[in-house]
Protein backbone atom coordinates (compact mmCIF):
# COMPACT_ATOMS: atom_id res chain seq x y z
CA MET A 1 149.80 354.29 149.84
CA THR A 2 147.83 357.50 150.34
CA HIS A 3 148.62 359.70 147.33
CA ILE A 4 147.75 359.92 143.65
CA MET A 5 149.80 361.64 140.96
CA ALA A 6 147.83 363.34 138.17
CA ILE A 7 149.53 364.22 134.89
CA ASP A 8 147.90 367.06 132.94
CA GLN A 9 149.62 367.20 129.57
CA GLY A 10 148.30 370.32 127.87
CA THR A 11 148.83 372.27 124.67
CA THR A 12 151.40 374.71 126.02
CA SER A 13 152.69 373.02 129.17
CA SER A 14 152.89 369.79 131.11
CA ARG A 15 151.84 369.65 134.76
CA ALA A 16 151.96 367.10 137.52
CA ILE A 17 149.90 367.36 140.72
CA ILE A 18 150.00 365.20 143.85
CA PHE A 19 146.66 364.67 145.59
CA ASP A 20 146.34 363.20 149.10
CA GLU A 21 143.81 360.64 150.35
CA ARG A 22 141.17 363.41 150.75
CA MET A 23 141.71 364.53 147.12
CA LYS A 24 143.40 367.74 148.29
CA ILE A 25 146.37 369.15 146.35
CA VAL A 26 149.70 368.58 148.11
CA ALA A 27 152.11 369.88 145.46
CA SER A 28 152.25 370.78 141.78
CA ALA A 29 154.88 371.35 139.11
CA GLN A 30 154.61 372.81 135.63
CA GLU A 31 156.89 373.16 132.61
CA GLU A 32 156.17 374.94 129.35
CA PHE A 33 157.51 373.69 126.02
CA GLU A 34 158.08 375.16 122.57
CA GLN A 35 155.34 375.57 119.99
CA HIS A 36 156.27 375.07 116.33
CA TYR A 37 154.51 376.87 113.45
CA PRO A 38 156.11 375.58 110.22
CA ALA A 39 153.45 377.18 107.99
CA SER A 40 150.33 379.30 108.25
CA GLY A 41 147.66 377.34 110.10
CA TRP A 42 150.11 374.57 111.05
CA VAL A 43 150.88 373.80 114.72
CA GLU A 44 153.35 371.14 115.86
CA HIS A 45 155.02 369.85 119.01
CA ASP A 46 158.26 367.95 119.28
CA PRO A 47 157.17 364.64 120.91
CA SER A 48 160.42 364.53 122.86
CA ASP A 49 159.37 367.82 124.51
CA LEU A 50 156.02 366.30 125.52
CA TRP A 51 157.83 363.37 127.09
CA SER A 52 160.72 365.23 128.75
CA SER A 53 158.48 367.93 130.24
CA THR A 54 156.09 365.28 131.59
CA ALA A 55 158.86 363.20 133.14
CA ALA A 56 160.53 366.29 134.63
CA THR A 57 157.34 367.62 136.24
CA CYS A 58 156.55 364.20 137.70
CA ARG A 59 159.98 363.95 139.33
CA SER A 60 159.75 367.56 140.51
CA VAL A 61 156.30 367.20 142.09
CA ILE A 62 157.31 364.04 143.97
CA GLU A 63 160.28 365.95 145.39
CA LYS A 64 158.12 368.97 146.26
CA ALA A 65 155.52 366.80 147.99
CA GLY A 66 158.23 365.26 150.15
CA ILE A 67 156.75 361.79 149.91
CA PRO A 68 158.45 358.52 148.95
CA GLU A 69 157.62 357.02 145.56
CA GLY A 70 156.18 354.06 147.41
CA ASP A 71 153.40 356.28 148.78
CA ILE A 72 151.89 356.86 145.32
CA ALA A 73 149.03 354.42 144.78
CA GLY A 74 148.57 355.23 141.11
CA ILE A 75 148.85 357.70 138.25
CA GLY A 76 146.03 359.39 136.36
CA ILE A 77 146.60 361.03 132.98
CA THR A 78 144.61 363.73 131.21
CA ASN A 79 145.78 365.18 127.94
CA GLN A 80 145.28 367.58 125.06
CA ARG A 81 142.93 365.71 122.75
CA GLU A 82 143.21 364.94 118.99
CA THR A 83 146.97 365.64 118.78
CA VAL A 84 148.72 362.93 116.72
CA VAL A 85 152.03 361.15 117.34
CA VAL A 86 153.53 358.37 115.17
CA TRP A 87 156.65 356.58 116.39
CA GLU A 88 158.85 353.55 115.76
CA LYS A 89 157.95 350.52 117.81
CA ALA A 90 161.58 349.39 118.06
CA THR A 91 163.16 352.70 119.12
CA GLY A 92 160.38 355.05 120.27
CA ARG A 93 161.63 357.67 117.81
CA ALA A 94 158.83 359.80 116.35
CA ILE A 95 158.86 359.88 112.54
CA HIS A 96 157.39 363.39 112.45
CA ASN A 97 156.57 366.16 114.88
CA ALA A 98 153.24 365.75 116.66
CA ILE A 99 150.46 367.49 114.73
CA VAL A 100 148.44 369.49 117.26
CA TRP A 101 144.65 369.59 117.52
CA GLN A 102 144.67 373.26 116.47
CA ASP A 103 146.38 372.45 113.16
CA ARG A 104 144.36 373.14 109.98
CA ARG A 105 146.64 371.64 107.30
CA THR A 106 144.20 368.85 106.43
CA SER A 107 141.34 371.12 105.39
CA GLU A 108 141.76 370.01 101.78
CA ILE A 109 141.62 366.33 102.76
CA CYS A 110 138.38 366.98 104.64
CA GLN A 111 136.92 368.81 101.64
CA GLN A 112 137.88 365.95 99.32
CA MET A 113 136.08 363.53 101.63
CA ARG A 114 133.00 365.75 101.64
CA ASP A 115 133.08 365.97 97.86
CA ALA A 116 133.26 362.17 97.74
CA GLY A 117 130.10 361.98 99.85
CA HIS A 118 131.74 360.54 102.99
CA GLU A 119 130.68 363.11 105.60
CA ASP A 120 127.33 361.53 106.52
CA GLN A 121 128.99 358.16 107.04
CA VAL A 122 131.69 359.70 109.23
CA ILE A 123 129.08 361.46 111.39
CA GLU A 124 126.99 358.28 111.59
CA LYS A 125 129.86 356.17 112.90
CA THR A 126 131.83 358.64 115.01
CA GLY A 127 129.42 361.36 116.14
CA LEU A 128 132.01 363.89 114.93
CA LEU A 129 132.10 366.34 112.06
CA LEU A 130 134.51 366.01 109.15
CA ASP A 131 137.00 368.63 110.30
CA PRO A 132 140.82 368.97 110.54
CA TYR A 133 140.34 369.31 114.32
CA PHE A 134 140.20 365.53 114.71
CA SER A 135 143.09 363.05 114.52
CA GLY A 136 142.22 360.87 111.53
CA THR A 137 143.11 363.22 108.70
CA LYS A 138 146.26 364.35 110.56
CA LEU A 139 147.41 360.72 110.72
CA LYS A 140 146.65 360.25 107.03
CA TRP A 141 148.75 363.35 106.24
CA ILE A 142 151.79 361.93 108.09
CA LEU A 143 151.48 358.58 106.34
CA ASP A 144 151.13 360.35 102.99
CA GLU A 145 154.09 362.66 103.54
CA VAL A 146 156.69 360.48 105.31
CA GLU A 147 158.07 358.15 102.67
CA GLY A 148 157.53 354.45 103.33
CA SER A 149 155.64 355.03 106.58
CA ARG A 150 152.36 353.43 105.48
CA GLU A 151 154.10 350.20 104.48
CA ARG A 152 156.10 350.21 107.72
CA ALA A 153 152.86 350.66 109.65
CA ARG A 154 151.33 347.64 107.88
CA LYS A 155 154.35 345.59 108.95
CA GLY A 156 153.77 346.61 112.57
CA GLU A 157 156.90 348.76 112.75
CA LEU A 158 155.08 352.05 113.50
CA LEU A 159 152.60 352.94 116.22
CA PHE A 160 150.00 355.69 116.39
CA GLY A 161 148.61 357.39 119.44
CA THR A 162 147.12 360.49 120.91
CA VAL A 163 149.28 362.04 123.61
CA ASP A 164 148.01 359.76 126.40
CA THR A 165 149.01 356.69 124.37
CA TYR A 166 152.46 358.07 123.61
CA LEU A 167 153.14 358.97 127.25
CA ILE A 168 151.97 355.57 128.51
CA TRP A 169 154.15 353.81 125.95
CA ARG A 170 157.18 355.81 127.10
CA MET A 171 156.39 355.45 130.79
CA THR A 172 155.97 351.67 130.55
CA GLY A 173 159.07 351.17 128.43
CA GLY A 174 157.04 350.12 125.41
CA ARG A 175 155.06 347.44 127.24
CA SER A 176 151.65 349.16 126.86
CA HIS A 177 150.17 350.52 123.63
CA VAL A 178 146.77 351.62 124.91
CA THR A 179 144.30 354.47 125.10
CA ASP A 180 140.91 355.02 126.70
CA ALA A 181 137.51 355.43 125.07
CA THR A 182 137.33 359.22 125.66
CA ASN A 183 140.47 359.76 123.61
CA ALA A 184 139.72 357.11 121.00
CA CYS A 185 136.35 358.70 120.26
CA ARG A 186 138.09 361.95 119.23
CA THR A 187 140.29 360.40 116.53
CA LEU A 188 137.62 360.15 113.76
CA LEU A 189 138.68 356.48 113.51
CA TYR A 190 136.61 355.03 116.36
CA ASP A 191 133.02 353.83 116.13
CA SER A 192 131.73 355.48 119.28
CA PHE A 193 128.43 353.60 119.11
CA LYS A 194 129.72 350.05 118.49
CA GLY A 195 132.82 350.53 120.61
CA GLY A 196 135.76 349.73 118.35
CA TRP A 197 138.03 351.02 115.62
CA SER A 198 136.09 351.50 112.38
CA THR A 199 137.43 349.39 109.53
CA THR A 200 135.31 351.49 107.16
CA ILE A 201 136.84 354.83 108.10
CA CYS A 202 140.37 353.44 108.43
CA GLY A 203 139.95 352.07 104.91
CA MET A 204 138.59 355.40 103.72
CA LEU A 205 141.72 357.17 105.02
CA ASP A 206 144.09 354.30 104.12
CA ILE A 207 145.23 353.91 107.73
CA PRO A 208 146.70 350.48 108.68
CA MET A 209 144.83 349.20 111.72
CA GLU A 210 147.98 347.43 112.93
CA MET A 211 149.24 350.77 114.27
CA LEU A 212 146.19 351.55 116.44
CA PRO A 213 146.26 351.11 120.24
CA GLU A 214 144.02 348.91 122.38
CA VAL A 215 141.02 350.84 123.72
CA CYS A 216 140.32 350.50 127.46
CA ASP A 217 137.92 351.87 130.08
CA SER A 218 138.75 355.26 131.58
CA ALA A 219 139.62 353.55 134.89
CA CYS A 220 141.75 350.56 134.03
CA GLU A 221 145.18 349.00 134.55
CA PHE A 222 147.00 350.66 131.66
CA GLY A 223 150.42 349.37 132.72
CA HIS A 224 153.21 350.09 135.20
CA THR A 225 155.94 352.71 134.89
CA ARG A 226 159.53 351.62 134.36
CA PRO A 227 161.19 351.13 137.77
CA ASP A 228 164.05 353.48 136.82
CA LEU A 229 161.66 356.35 136.07
CA PHE A 230 160.40 357.20 139.56
CA GLY A 231 162.29 354.75 141.76
CA ARG A 232 159.73 351.94 141.55
CA GLU A 233 156.96 350.68 139.31
CA ILE A 234 153.77 352.74 139.73
CA PRO A 235 150.49 351.63 138.15
CA ILE A 236 148.77 353.89 135.63
CA LEU A 237 145.10 353.54 136.55
CA GLY A 238 143.14 356.41 134.97
CA VAL A 239 143.05 358.17 131.60
CA ALA A 240 140.66 360.72 130.07
CA GLY A 241 140.87 363.50 127.50
CA ASP A 242 141.03 366.92 129.10
CA GLN A 243 137.40 367.98 128.63
CA GLN A 244 136.04 364.63 129.72
CA ALA A 245 138.36 364.71 132.74
CA ALA A 246 136.91 368.12 133.64
CA THR A 247 133.40 366.65 133.33
CA ILE A 248 134.42 363.88 135.74
CA GLY A 249 136.15 366.37 138.06
CA GLN A 250 132.90 368.36 138.19
CA ALA A 251 131.09 365.12 139.20
CA CYS A 252 128.67 365.43 136.25
CA PHE A 253 127.62 361.79 136.53
CA ARG A 254 123.85 362.12 136.12
CA PRO A 255 122.16 362.56 132.74
CA GLY A 256 121.27 366.22 132.30
CA MET A 257 124.26 367.55 134.25
CA LEU A 258 126.24 370.25 132.46
CA LYS A 259 129.74 371.64 132.76
CA SER A 260 131.51 374.38 130.86
CA THR A 261 135.25 375.00 130.95
CA TYR A 262 136.46 378.53 130.17
CA GLY A 263 140.05 378.68 129.03
CA THR A 264 141.33 380.18 125.79
CA GLY A 265 138.17 378.71 124.27
CA CYS A 266 135.21 377.07 125.94
CA PHE A 267 134.01 373.47 125.98
CA ALA A 268 130.55 372.60 127.26
CA LEU A 269 129.55 368.97 127.86
CA LEU A 270 126.07 367.65 128.63
CA ASN A 271 125.82 364.16 130.14
CA THR A 272 123.17 362.23 128.15
CA GLY A 273 123.62 358.87 129.88
CA GLU A 274 124.16 355.48 128.27
CA THR A 275 122.11 356.37 125.18
CA PRO A 276 123.99 358.52 122.66
CA VAL A 277 122.18 361.56 121.28
CA ARG A 278 122.94 362.23 117.63
CA SER A 279 123.06 365.97 117.08
CA GLN A 280 120.97 367.72 114.45
CA ASN A 281 122.56 371.07 115.37
CA ARG A 282 126.22 370.43 114.61
CA LEU A 283 127.22 369.49 118.14
CA LEU A 284 129.48 366.51 118.76
CA THR A 285 128.40 363.17 120.22
CA THR A 286 131.27 362.01 122.40
CA VAL A 287 132.11 359.48 125.12
CA ALA A 288 132.13 361.28 128.48
CA TYR A 289 133.70 358.30 130.28
CA GLN A 290 133.58 354.51 130.18
CA PHE A 291 133.45 352.09 133.11
CA ASP A 292 133.11 348.28 132.98
CA GLY A 293 132.89 348.37 129.20
CA THR A 294 129.82 350.65 129.20
CA PRO A 295 130.22 354.17 127.79
CA THR A 296 128.39 357.20 129.12
CA TYR A 297 127.80 359.72 126.35
CA ALA A 298 127.75 363.50 126.14
CA LEU A 299 126.84 366.22 123.71
CA GLU A 300 129.76 368.61 123.32
CA GLY A 301 129.91 372.14 121.99
CA SER A 302 133.06 374.18 121.58
CA ILE A 303 133.57 377.95 121.49
CA PHE A 304 136.80 379.04 119.82
CA VAL A 305 137.19 382.36 121.69
CA ALA A 306 136.39 382.71 125.39
CA GLY A 307 139.34 383.79 127.53
CA ALA A 308 141.10 384.73 124.29
CA VAL A 309 138.77 387.72 123.94
CA VAL A 310 140.24 389.12 127.17
CA GLN A 311 143.74 388.49 125.81
CA TRP A 312 142.69 390.54 122.76
CA LEU A 313 141.67 393.44 125.00
CA ARG A 314 145.12 393.25 126.60
CA ASP A 315 147.44 392.45 123.68
CA GLY A 316 145.46 393.75 120.71
CA LEU A 317 143.63 396.85 121.90
CA LYS A 318 145.96 397.34 124.91
CA ILE A 319 143.13 398.76 127.02
CA ILE A 320 143.95 396.51 129.99
CA ARG A 321 147.18 395.25 131.53
CA SER A 322 145.71 392.16 133.22
CA ALA A 323 142.57 390.07 132.88
CA SER A 324 141.39 391.09 136.35
CA GLU A 325 140.82 394.68 135.14
CA THR A 326 137.92 393.66 132.90
CA GLN A 327 135.52 393.26 135.82
CA GLY A 328 135.97 396.84 137.04
CA LEU A 329 135.65 398.21 133.53
CA ALA A 330 132.47 396.20 132.86
CA GLU A 331 130.93 397.45 136.10
CA ARG A 332 131.52 401.07 135.02
CA ALA A 333 130.17 400.62 131.48
CA ASP A 334 127.27 402.79 130.31
CA ASP A 335 124.09 400.70 130.57
CA GLY A 336 122.51 402.95 127.94
CA GLN A 337 124.84 401.51 125.30
CA ASP A 338 124.25 398.05 123.92
CA VAL A 339 127.58 397.24 122.28
CA VAL A 340 127.78 393.69 120.92
CA LEU A 341 131.11 392.00 120.14
CA VAL A 342 131.10 388.83 118.00
CA PRO A 343 134.63 387.46 118.67
CA ALA A 344 134.93 385.40 115.48
CA PHE A 345 138.68 386.01 115.30
CA VAL A 346 139.24 382.47 113.95
CA GLY A 347 135.68 381.87 112.79
CA LEU A 348 132.76 380.65 114.89
CA GLY A 349 132.59 377.26 116.58
CA ALA A 350 129.48 375.32 117.58
CA PRO A 351 126.73 375.43 116.59
CA TYR A 352 127.70 377.57 113.57
CA TRP A 353 131.00 375.95 112.48
CA ASN A 354 131.79 378.86 110.18
CA ALA A 355 135.55 379.03 109.76
CA GLU A 356 135.49 381.90 107.26
CA CYS A 357 133.70 384.73 109.13
CA ARG A 358 135.70 387.15 111.26
CA GLY A 359 135.05 389.28 114.33
CA ALA A 360 132.76 392.31 114.35
CA ILE A 361 131.47 394.97 116.75
CA TYR A 362 128.01 396.50 116.60
CA GLY A 363 126.33 399.43 118.35
CA LEU A 364 129.30 401.77 118.75
CA THR A 365 128.72 405.42 119.62
CA ARG A 366 131.08 408.37 120.16
CA ASN A 367 130.92 407.57 123.87
CA SER A 368 131.97 403.92 123.48
CA GLY A 369 135.25 403.31 125.25
CA PRO A 370 137.27 400.71 127.18
CA GLU A 371 134.42 400.10 129.64
CA GLU A 372 131.94 399.21 126.90
CA PHE A 373 134.50 397.07 125.05
CA ALA A 374 135.28 395.11 128.22
CA LYS A 375 131.61 394.59 128.98
CA ALA A 376 130.88 393.43 125.43
CA ALA A 377 133.85 391.05 125.53
CA LEU A 378 132.68 389.36 128.75
CA GLU A 379 129.09 389.25 127.55
CA SER A 380 130.13 387.52 124.32
CA VAL A 381 131.15 384.46 126.30
CA GLY A 382 127.73 384.27 127.95
CA TYR A 383 125.95 384.65 124.62
CA GLN A 384 128.03 381.91 123.00
CA THR A 385 127.37 379.59 125.93
CA ARG A 386 123.64 380.14 125.53
CA ASP A 387 124.01 379.25 121.83
CA LEU A 388 125.44 375.89 122.90
CA LEU A 389 122.77 375.23 125.51
CA GLU A 390 119.98 376.06 123.05
CA ALA A 391 121.47 373.64 120.53
CA MET A 392 121.71 370.95 123.22
CA ALA A 393 118.09 371.49 124.23
CA ALA A 394 117.02 371.20 120.59
CA ASP A 395 118.96 367.95 120.21
CA TRP A 396 117.84 366.23 123.42
CA ASP A 397 114.18 366.34 124.46
CA ASP A 398 115.03 365.08 127.97
CA MET A 399 117.21 368.12 128.70
CA GLY A 400 114.43 370.63 129.36
CA GLU A 401 115.46 373.93 130.87
CA PRO A 402 118.96 373.71 132.43
CA GLU A 403 118.82 373.99 136.21
CA THR A 404 122.53 374.39 136.90
CA LEU A 405 125.69 374.88 134.86
CA ARG A 406 128.94 373.94 136.59
CA VAL A 407 131.87 376.08 135.47
CA ASP A 408 135.65 375.94 135.72
CA GLY A 409 138.71 377.32 133.98
CA GLY A 410 140.49 380.65 134.38
CA MET A 411 137.63 382.87 133.22
CA SER A 412 135.25 381.34 135.75
CA ALA A 413 137.10 383.31 138.42
CA SER A 414 135.40 386.51 137.14
CA ASP A 415 132.30 387.14 139.27
CA TRP A 416 130.95 389.65 136.74
CA ALA A 417 131.28 387.24 133.81
CA MET A 418 129.68 384.39 135.76
CA GLN A 419 126.78 386.58 136.92
CA PHE A 420 126.09 387.66 133.34
CA LEU A 421 126.32 384.04 132.24
CA SER A 422 123.68 383.10 134.80
CA ASP A 423 121.51 386.04 133.72
CA ILE A 424 121.63 385.31 130.00
CA ILE A 425 121.06 381.54 130.23
CA GLY A 426 118.41 381.97 132.94
CA ALA A 427 119.91 379.27 135.13
CA LYS A 428 122.09 378.89 138.21
CA VAL A 429 125.85 378.81 137.66
CA ASP A 430 127.95 376.92 140.21
CA ARG A 431 131.69 377.49 140.59
CA PRO A 432 133.53 374.76 142.53
CA GLU A 433 136.01 375.18 145.34
CA VAL A 434 138.62 373.27 143.30
CA LEU A 435 139.14 374.91 139.91
CA GLU A 436 141.74 372.28 138.91
CA THR A 437 138.88 370.06 137.81
CA THR A 438 140.73 368.48 134.87
CA ALA A 439 143.56 367.16 137.03
CA LEU A 440 141.09 366.25 139.77
CA GLY A 441 139.10 364.14 137.31
CA ALA A 442 142.22 362.22 136.26
CA ALA A 443 143.25 361.77 139.90
CA TRP A 444 139.81 360.47 140.88
CA LEU A 445 139.85 357.90 138.07
CA ALA A 446 143.17 356.52 139.29
CA GLY A 447 142.32 356.79 142.99
CA MET A 448 138.94 355.11 142.52
CA LYS A 449 140.57 352.25 140.60
CA ALA A 450 143.21 351.93 143.33
CA GLY A 451 140.52 351.74 146.04
CA LEU A 452 141.78 354.95 147.65
CA TYR A 453 138.94 357.25 146.57
CA PRO A 454 135.15 356.76 146.79
CA ASP A 455 132.87 355.63 143.96
CA GLN A 456 130.89 358.03 141.77
CA GLU A 457 128.22 358.65 144.39
CA GLY A 458 130.74 359.29 147.15
CA PHE A 459 132.85 361.55 144.95
CA ALA A 460 129.77 363.54 143.90
CA LYS A 461 128.82 364.07 147.55
CA GLY A 462 132.28 365.48 148.21
CA TRP A 463 132.05 368.07 145.43
CA GLU A 464 132.50 371.47 147.13
CA LEU A 465 130.90 374.73 146.03
CA ASP A 466 132.78 378.02 146.03
CA ARG A 467 129.92 380.24 144.88
CA SER A 468 126.54 380.09 143.13
CA PHE A 469 125.30 382.77 140.75
CA GLU A 470 121.52 383.10 140.39
CA PRO A 471 119.80 384.77 137.41
CA ALA A 472 118.63 388.30 138.28
CA MET A 473 117.94 389.71 134.83
CA ASP A 474 114.40 390.58 133.80
CA GLU A 475 113.07 388.13 131.19
CA GLU A 476 112.26 390.95 128.75
CA VAL A 477 115.81 392.28 128.98
CA ARG A 478 117.26 388.77 128.59
CA THR A 479 115.20 388.17 125.46
CA ARG A 480 116.03 391.56 123.95
CA LYS A 481 119.77 391.21 124.54
CA TYR A 482 119.95 387.66 123.19
CA ASP A 483 117.91 388.60 120.10
CA ARG A 484 120.38 391.41 119.46
CA TRP A 485 123.25 388.93 119.74
CA LYS A 486 121.62 386.56 117.24
CA ARG A 487 121.15 389.42 114.75
CA ALA A 488 124.80 390.39 115.20
CA VAL A 489 125.98 386.81 114.54
CA ASP A 490 123.78 386.58 111.46
CA ALA A 491 125.16 389.85 110.13
CA THR A 492 128.74 388.75 110.84
CA MET A 493 128.34 385.52 108.90
CA ARG A 494 126.89 387.41 105.93
CA VAL A 495 129.87 389.76 105.51
């Protein structure tokens, strides 16, 4: 058996990728599914769409690869984090649509918990902030709204899971109700420091613990697929939430290593080793991965708008037709203008966590045009990344000055954006040969567990560089530009 199948179940689509014994991509398949917006700020998925699209892409990629099912040594799963599914144990039928990580309907629940003085306790046990982003208050909402569901859960009739748990349950025919530590630690229900579900927080939210899955290592025997699904039973051997899977795929195994993924938003993770670092700057303390019962921790910062700012240039301002045009525009921008764009279209993420402020542009002149807007848009991503790195450095004394930031995601393909990123953070930026780092991380977990792929050290040695970007900006210019950005953010939050 010389192949691994990675499942990448995302927010807008499900993908399956076959990797060979050298961790090279053999074939891939992707299927989008419908998004549901039942009210302002609400985002839902039909769980049957998550399952059917995953099963379909898996069958499709096996056919595309032209390999027998018996040649697949194992399956690795990476998934959209924090999304909540509740289903019947007897039938597998979901009792409500999945509530997606983006959903904000539980803001009032979070505020009630803050008013009751619970936020410090939640942070102390989970390393997370009290925010609708995480799963716990979403689960409480379902149990509150679906009549009789809480009592059914106490009787063991209902099961809860993030998307990985739901997929595994379906793939194994209901034999495995499990998750891994990287997903559990994002639910707001898991004590990330003691390593188990928190009876205190579950009691606080009135969540029956009978419905919670077993928490496993990231590389583990999670179960075997039903034989009728892919022609034979295939072991599921690796699971990690999408951002942790990208951290693994970037081989960020040593404390101090950093990765940043640039998609619609941006997620930066800093490996802090086996000792968790509790943030004083509103970053998240999260499990990066867990092997042999021992978690490795990370500090995580999230930016709400990264690649989305380029989509705004295209769909909102209509000054570009494709993302690739931004580089040429930025190169032609007038260096004499210092236009600053704060893309707080949905508020600001870490380290500000200000959901109420909105986007603003500063420094416009009569000569400001598409070139200056494109340049300011790309620069905003670099500035926000530096905000995260500064917060990380303030939280962790051992970090020091970052030597290298490893990047991935669609926006990392822009040479101009990555060069500015290197300039403004004053550190080297490395872009890997394989940009599918999330799927690669899931595949490596499964392949390593199966004995097909090397251990951490061997995998790290095989990490391949596409291009390095070295800082070339004068220190005085770097300081002046970043100070201007900080003043712009401050002004934006005051409006």
